[in-house]
Amino acid sequence: MKLPIWDLPTRLFHWLLVGLIAFSWWSAEYHYDDLHIWSGMAVLSLLIFRLLWGFFGSSTARFANFVRGPRAVFGYLRGQWRGLGHNPLGALSVIALLGLVSGQTVLGLIASDEDGLMQGPLVNLVSVGTSDAATELHEELFNVLLALIGLHVAAILYYRLRGKRLIGPMLTGRGEVEPGVEPMRPGKWWAALLCLAAAIGITRWIIAGAPPFGG
C-alpha cells in the first residue's frame, strides 16, 4: 500500500541541499568566491529551516520521531523495527550529515582566505588565528562530508538491491507502507511558511554581521 511518507517541505529541503552542496563545491573549485559565499548563506537558511521543521513539521520530519538511542538501532538490526520514515540506523546517517554540513557552514561564516578577499560575514568576530584555523578545517572537513555522502548513496543502493526504494518516496512523497503502521501526520502549511520566514530572517541578520539587537 502506498501512503504519504515525506511532506513537500522535507523533500524540497533534501533536493535543494543536494544541489547547493554540489554548487558550493563547484564555486569554490573554480574560485567564484561571491557565488560560494551566497551558496553558503542559502545552505544556512535551509539548515535553520530544517531545524525548525524538525520540531513543528510533519510526523516523519520531527526529530523526536526518528532520533533514537543504541537500543533502537540494535533492535532495527535484529529486524524488530516497524515504522514510517527514517529507520533508527538511517537516522544516524541523517543526523551525521546535517551535523557535518552545519559545522561546515559555521566554519565558513568565520573563514577568510590568505588575501582577505573572500571572508565570511562573521569573520570580524574572531581573531585572525581562529579564522585561519576555521578556513583550513573548512577545507579538510569537506572530504569527510564527501565520504559521508558516498556512504549515504551506498546505503540507498544497498536497500534498492533488497527491493526497497528510497529515492522514489523522496521525489513523490509516497511509498510502500506495511499494514498497521501509523500514517504520516502532515504539518501545517502556515507552520512551514513561518519556519521559512524565520530561517531567512536569521540568515539576513547573520549576513549583516550579527549586530546586537538594538545596536
Foldseek 3Di string as FASTA:
>chain_A
DKDFFDDPLVLVLVVLLVVLVVVLVVCVVVVVQVSNQVSLLVNQLSLLLLVLCLPFWKQLSHCVNAADDPVQVVCVVVVNDAAGHQRNVSVVLVVVLSVLSVLLSVLQQQAADPVRPHGHLQVVVDDPVSNPVSNVVSVVSVVVSVVSVVVVVVVQVVVVVVVAHDVVCSVVSMDDHDPPHDHMGGGDPVSSVVSSVVSVVVSVCVNNNVDDVVD
